[in-house]
Amino acid sequence: MEEKIINILKKCCEDFEDVMEYDGECMVEDGIIDSFTVLSLVDALEGEFDIIIPARCVLPANFGNKEMIISLVKKVLEEKSK
């Protein structure tokens, strides 16, 4: 799953290397990705994993870094399987 998410990041993020190296808390606030990239990521993640990421979860904090994105997808997948 993590490899699929990395591939989605590669497709959606212009500065893929910066995303992979980023170790901060909020890529949006630090200018690594913008809100359009977040929306592209949501769309790609939903399509790849057959999930719906609730609007309440589409926050910069949940897209803070690649680990947070992976965690978000895992959480949504767990909720879906209940």
N, C-alpha and C. Protein backbone atom coordinates (compact mmCIF):
# COMPACT_ATOMS: atom_id res chain seq x y z
N MET A 1 0.82 -1.19 0.00
CA MET A 1 0.00 0.00 0.00
C MET A 1 0.86 1.26 0.00
N GLU A 2 1.90 1.26 0.80
CA GLU A 2 2.74 2.45 0.88
C GLU A 2 3.38 2.77 -0.47
N GLU A 3 3.76 1.73 -1.20
CA GLU A 3 4.37 1.94 -2.52
C GLU A 3 3.36 2.58 -3.48
N LYS A 4 2.11 2.16 -3.40
CA LYS A 4 1.06 2.77 -4.24
C LYS A 4 0.89 4.24 -3.90
N ILE A 5 0.92 4.55 -2.62
CA ILE A 5 0.76 5.95 -2.19
C ILE A 5 1.95 6.78 -2.67
N ILE A 6 3.14 6.23 -2.58
CA ILE A 6 4.33 6.93 -3.07
C ILE A 6 4.20 7.20 -4.56
N ASN A 7 3.71 6.22 -5.33
CA ASN A 7 3.52 6.41 -6.76
C ASN A 7 2.49 7.50 -7.05
N ILE A 8 1.45 7.57 -6.23
CA ILE A 8 0.44 8.63 -6.39
C ILE A 8 1.07 9.99 -6.09
N LEU A 9 1.87 10.05 -5.05
CA LEU A 9 2.57 11.31 -4.73
C LEU A 9 3.45 11.73 -5.90
N LYS A 10 4.10 10.76 -6.50
CA LYS A 10 4.99 11.05 -7.64
C LYS A 10 4.21 11.63 -8.81
N LYS A 11 3.01 11.09 -9.05
CA LYS A 11 2.18 11.57 -10.15
C LYS A 11 1.59 12.95 -9.87
N CYS A 12 1.21 13.20 -8.65
CA CYS A 12 0.45 14.41 -8.32
C CYS A 12 1.32 15.61 -7.91
N CYS A 13 2.52 15.36 -7.45
CA CYS A 13 3.34 16.42 -6.88
C CYS A 13 4.45 16.83 -7.83
N GLU A 14 4.45 18.10 -8.20
CA GLU A 14 5.49 18.61 -9.09
C GLU A 14 6.87 18.46 -8.47
N ASP A 15 6.99 18.72 -7.20
CA ASP A 15 8.28 18.65 -6.50
C ASP A 15 8.35 17.37 -5.68
N PHE A 16 8.27 16.23 -6.38
CA PHE A 16 8.23 14.93 -5.72
C PHE A 16 9.41 14.72 -4.78
N GLU A 17 10.59 15.09 -5.18
CA GLU A 17 11.77 14.90 -4.33
C GLU A 17 11.63 15.68 -3.02
N ASP A 18 11.09 16.90 -3.11
CA ASP A 18 10.88 17.71 -1.90
C ASP A 18 9.86 17.03 -0.98
N VAL A 19 8.82 16.44 -1.57
CA VAL A 19 7.80 15.74 -0.77
C VAL A 19 8.43 14.56 -0.05
N MET A 20 9.26 13.81 -0.75
CA MET A 20 9.87 12.62 -0.16
C MET A 20 10.86 12.97 0.94
N GLU A 21 11.54 14.10 0.80
CA GLU A 21 12.54 14.50 1.79
C GLU A 21 11.95 15.30 2.95
N TYR A 22 10.74 15.79 2.78
CA TYR A 22 10.12 16.68 3.77
C TYR A 22 9.89 15.94 5.09
N ASP A 23 10.34 16.55 6.18
CA ASP A 23 10.15 15.93 7.49
C ASP A 23 9.44 16.87 8.48
N GLY A 24 8.79 17.88 7.92
CA GLY A 24 8.06 18.82 8.76
C GLY A 24 6.65 18.33 9.06
N GLU A 25 5.83 19.23 9.51
CA GLU A 25 4.47 18.90 9.95
C GLU A 25 3.38 19.29 8.97
N CYS A 26 3.64 20.23 8.05
CA CYS A 26 2.57 20.68 7.16
C CYS A 26 3.13 21.15 5.81
N MET A 27 3.07 20.25 4.83
CA MET A 27 3.60 20.57 3.50
C MET A 27 2.86 21.74 2.87
N VAL A 28 1.57 21.91 3.17
CA VAL A 28 0.81 23.02 2.60
C VAL A 28 1.32 24.35 3.15
N GLU A 29 1.41 24.44 4.45
CA GLU A 29 1.88 25.69 5.08
C GLU A 29 3.32 26.02 4.69
N ASP A 30 4.13 24.99 4.48
CA ASP A 30 5.53 25.22 4.14
C ASP A 30 5.76 25.35 2.63
N GLY A 31 4.67 25.33 1.85
CA GLY A 31 4.78 25.57 0.41
C GLY A 31 5.30 24.41 -0.42
N ILE A 32 5.32 23.22 0.14
CA ILE A 32 5.79 22.04 -0.61
C ILE A 32 4.70 21.59 -1.59
N ILE A 33 3.43 21.60 -1.14
CA ILE A 33 2.29 21.33 -2.00
C ILE A 33 1.26 22.43 -1.78
N ASP A 34 0.34 22.55 -2.73
CA ASP A 34 -0.72 23.55 -2.56
C ASP A 34 -2.08 22.84 -2.46
N SER A 35 -3.12 23.64 -2.30
CA SER A 35 -4.46 23.07 -2.10
C SER A 35 -4.93 22.29 -3.33
N PHE A 36 -4.52 22.69 -4.51
CA PHE A 36 -4.88 21.94 -5.72
C PHE A 36 -4.23 20.57 -5.72
N THR A 37 -3.01 20.50 -5.23
CA THR A 37 -2.33 19.21 -5.13
C THR A 37 -3.04 18.31 -4.13
N VAL A 38 -3.49 18.89 -3.02
CA VAL A 38 -4.24 18.10 -2.03
C VAL A 38 -5.47 17.49 -2.69
N LEU A 39 -6.21 18.29 -3.45
CA LEU A 39 -7.41 17.78 -4.11
C LEU A 39 -7.06 16.70 -5.13
N SER A 40 -5.97 16.88 -5.85
CA SER A 40 -5.52 15.84 -6.80
C SER A 40 -5.15 14.55 -6.07
N LEU A 41 -4.49 14.71 -4.93
CA LEU A 41 -4.12 13.54 -4.13
C LEU A 41 -5.36 12.81 -3.63
N VAL A 42 -6.34 13.57 -3.14
CA VAL A 42 -7.58 12.96 -2.65
C VAL A 42 -8.24 12.16 -3.77
N ASP A 43 -8.36 12.76 -4.93
CA ASP A 43 -8.98 12.09 -6.06
C ASP A 43 -8.23 10.81 -6.44
N ALA A 44 -6.92 10.89 -6.52
CA ALA A 44 -6.10 9.73 -6.90
C ALA A 44 -6.15 8.63 -5.84
N LEU A 45 -6.08 9.01 -4.57
CA LEU A 45 -6.14 8.03 -3.49
C LEU A 45 -7.49 7.33 -3.45
N GLU A 46 -8.55 8.10 -3.63
CA GLU A 46 -9.89 7.52 -3.63
C GLU A 46 -10.04 6.52 -4.78
N GLY A 47 -9.54 6.88 -5.94
CA GLY A 47 -9.62 5.99 -7.09
C GLY A 47 -8.79 4.74 -6.92
N GLU A 48 -7.59 4.88 -6.43
CA GLU A 48 -6.67 3.74 -6.29
C GLU A 48 -7.15 2.75 -5.24
N PHE A 49 -7.67 3.25 -4.13
CA PHE A 49 -8.02 2.38 -3.01
C PHE A 49 -9.53 2.15 -2.87
N ASP A 50 -10.30 2.67 -3.80
CA ASP A 50 -11.76 2.52 -3.78
C ASP A 50 -12.33 2.96 -2.42
N ILE A 51 -11.95 4.16 -2.04
CA ILE A 51 -12.40 4.73 -0.77
C ILE A 51 -12.98 6.12 -1.01
N ILE A 52 -13.64 6.64 0.00
CA ILE A 52 -14.06 8.03 0.00
C ILE A 52 -13.45 8.68 1.23
N ILE A 53 -12.61 9.65 1.00
CA ILE A 53 -12.00 10.39 2.10
C ILE A 53 -13.01 11.47 2.50
N PRO A 54 -13.54 11.39 3.72
CA PRO A 54 -14.56 12.36 4.14
C PRO A 54 -14.03 13.79 4.07
N ALA A 55 -14.92 14.71 3.72
CA ALA A 55 -14.52 16.12 3.61
C ALA A 55 -13.88 16.62 4.91
N ARG A 56 -14.35 16.12 6.04
CA ARG A 56 -13.80 16.56 7.33
C ARG A 56 -12.33 16.15 7.50
N CYS A 57 -11.87 15.21 6.67
CA CYS A 57 -10.49 14.74 6.74
C CYS A 57 -9.57 15.43 5.73
N VAL A 58 -10.16 16.20 4.82
CA VAL A 58 -9.37 16.89 3.81
C VAL A 58 -8.89 18.22 4.39
N LEU A 59 -7.92 18.08 5.26
CA LEU A 59 -7.32 19.22 5.96
C LEU A 59 -5.81 19.20 5.74
N PRO A 60 -5.19 20.37 5.71
CA PRO A 60 -3.73 20.39 5.55
C PRO A 60 -3.01 19.50 6.56
N ALA A 61 -3.54 19.41 7.78
CA ALA A 61 -2.89 18.60 8.82
C ALA A 61 -2.81 17.12 8.43
N ASN A 62 -3.81 16.62 7.70
CA ASN A 62 -3.80 15.22 7.29
C ASN A 62 -2.91 14.97 6.08
N PHE A 63 -2.44 16.04 5.46
CA PHE A 63 -1.54 15.95 4.33
C PHE A 63 -0.22 16.63 4.68
N GLY A 64 0.13 16.53 5.98
CA GLY A 64 1.31 17.22 6.49
C GLY A 64 2.62 16.71 5.95
N ASN A 65 2.71 15.41 5.76
CA ASN A 65 3.89 14.78 5.16
C ASN A 65 3.47 13.40 4.65
N LYS A 66 4.36 12.70 4.01
CA LYS A 66 3.96 11.42 3.39
C LYS A 66 3.49 10.41 4.42
N GLU A 67 4.07 10.41 5.61
CA GLU A 67 3.64 9.48 6.65
C GLU A 67 2.20 9.77 7.10
N MET A 68 1.84 11.05 7.18
CA MET A 68 0.49 11.42 7.57
C MET A 68 -0.53 11.01 6.50
N ILE A 69 -0.13 11.11 5.24
CA ILE A 69 -1.01 10.69 4.15
C ILE A 69 -1.22 9.18 4.21
N ILE A 70 -0.16 8.44 4.42
CA ILE A 70 -0.27 6.98 4.55
C ILE A 70 -1.18 6.63 5.72
N SER A 71 -1.01 7.32 6.83
CA SER A 71 -1.84 7.08 8.02
C SER A 71 -3.31 7.37 7.73
N LEU A 72 -3.58 8.45 7.01
CA LEU A 72 -4.95 8.81 6.66
C LEU A 72 -5.60 7.71 5.82
N VAL A 73 -4.88 7.22 4.82
CA VAL A 73 -5.43 6.17 3.96
C VAL A 73 -5.69 4.90 4.77
N LYS A 74 -4.76 4.54 5.64
CA LYS A 74 -4.96 3.36 6.50
C LYS A 74 -6.21 3.52 7.36
N LYS A 75 -6.39 4.69 7.93
CA LYS A 75 -7.55 4.96 8.78
C LYS A 75 -8.85 4.83 8.00
N VAL A 76 -8.89 5.42 6.82
CA VAL A 76 -10.10 5.36 5.99
C VAL A 76 -10.38 3.92 5.56
N LEU A 77 -9.33 3.18 5.22
CA LEU A 77 -9.51 1.77 4.84
C LEU A 77 -10.03 0.95 6.02
N GLU A 78 -9.52 1.21 7.22
CA GLU A 78 -10.00 0.50 8.41
C GLU A 78 -11.47 0.80 8.67
N GLU A 79 -11.86 2.06 8.54
CA GLU A 79 -13.25 2.45 8.76
C GLU A 79 -14.15 1.80 7.71
N LYS A 80 -13.64 1.67 6.50
CA LYS A 80 -14.43 1.07 5.42
C LYS A 80 -14.69 -0.41 5.68
N SER A 81 -13.72 -1.08 6.28
CA SER A 81 -13.84 -2.53 6.50
C SER A 81 -14.71 -2.89 7.70
N LYS A 82 -15.14 -1.90 8.47
CA LYS A 82 -15.98 -2.17 9.66
C LYS A 82 -17.42 -2.44 9.27
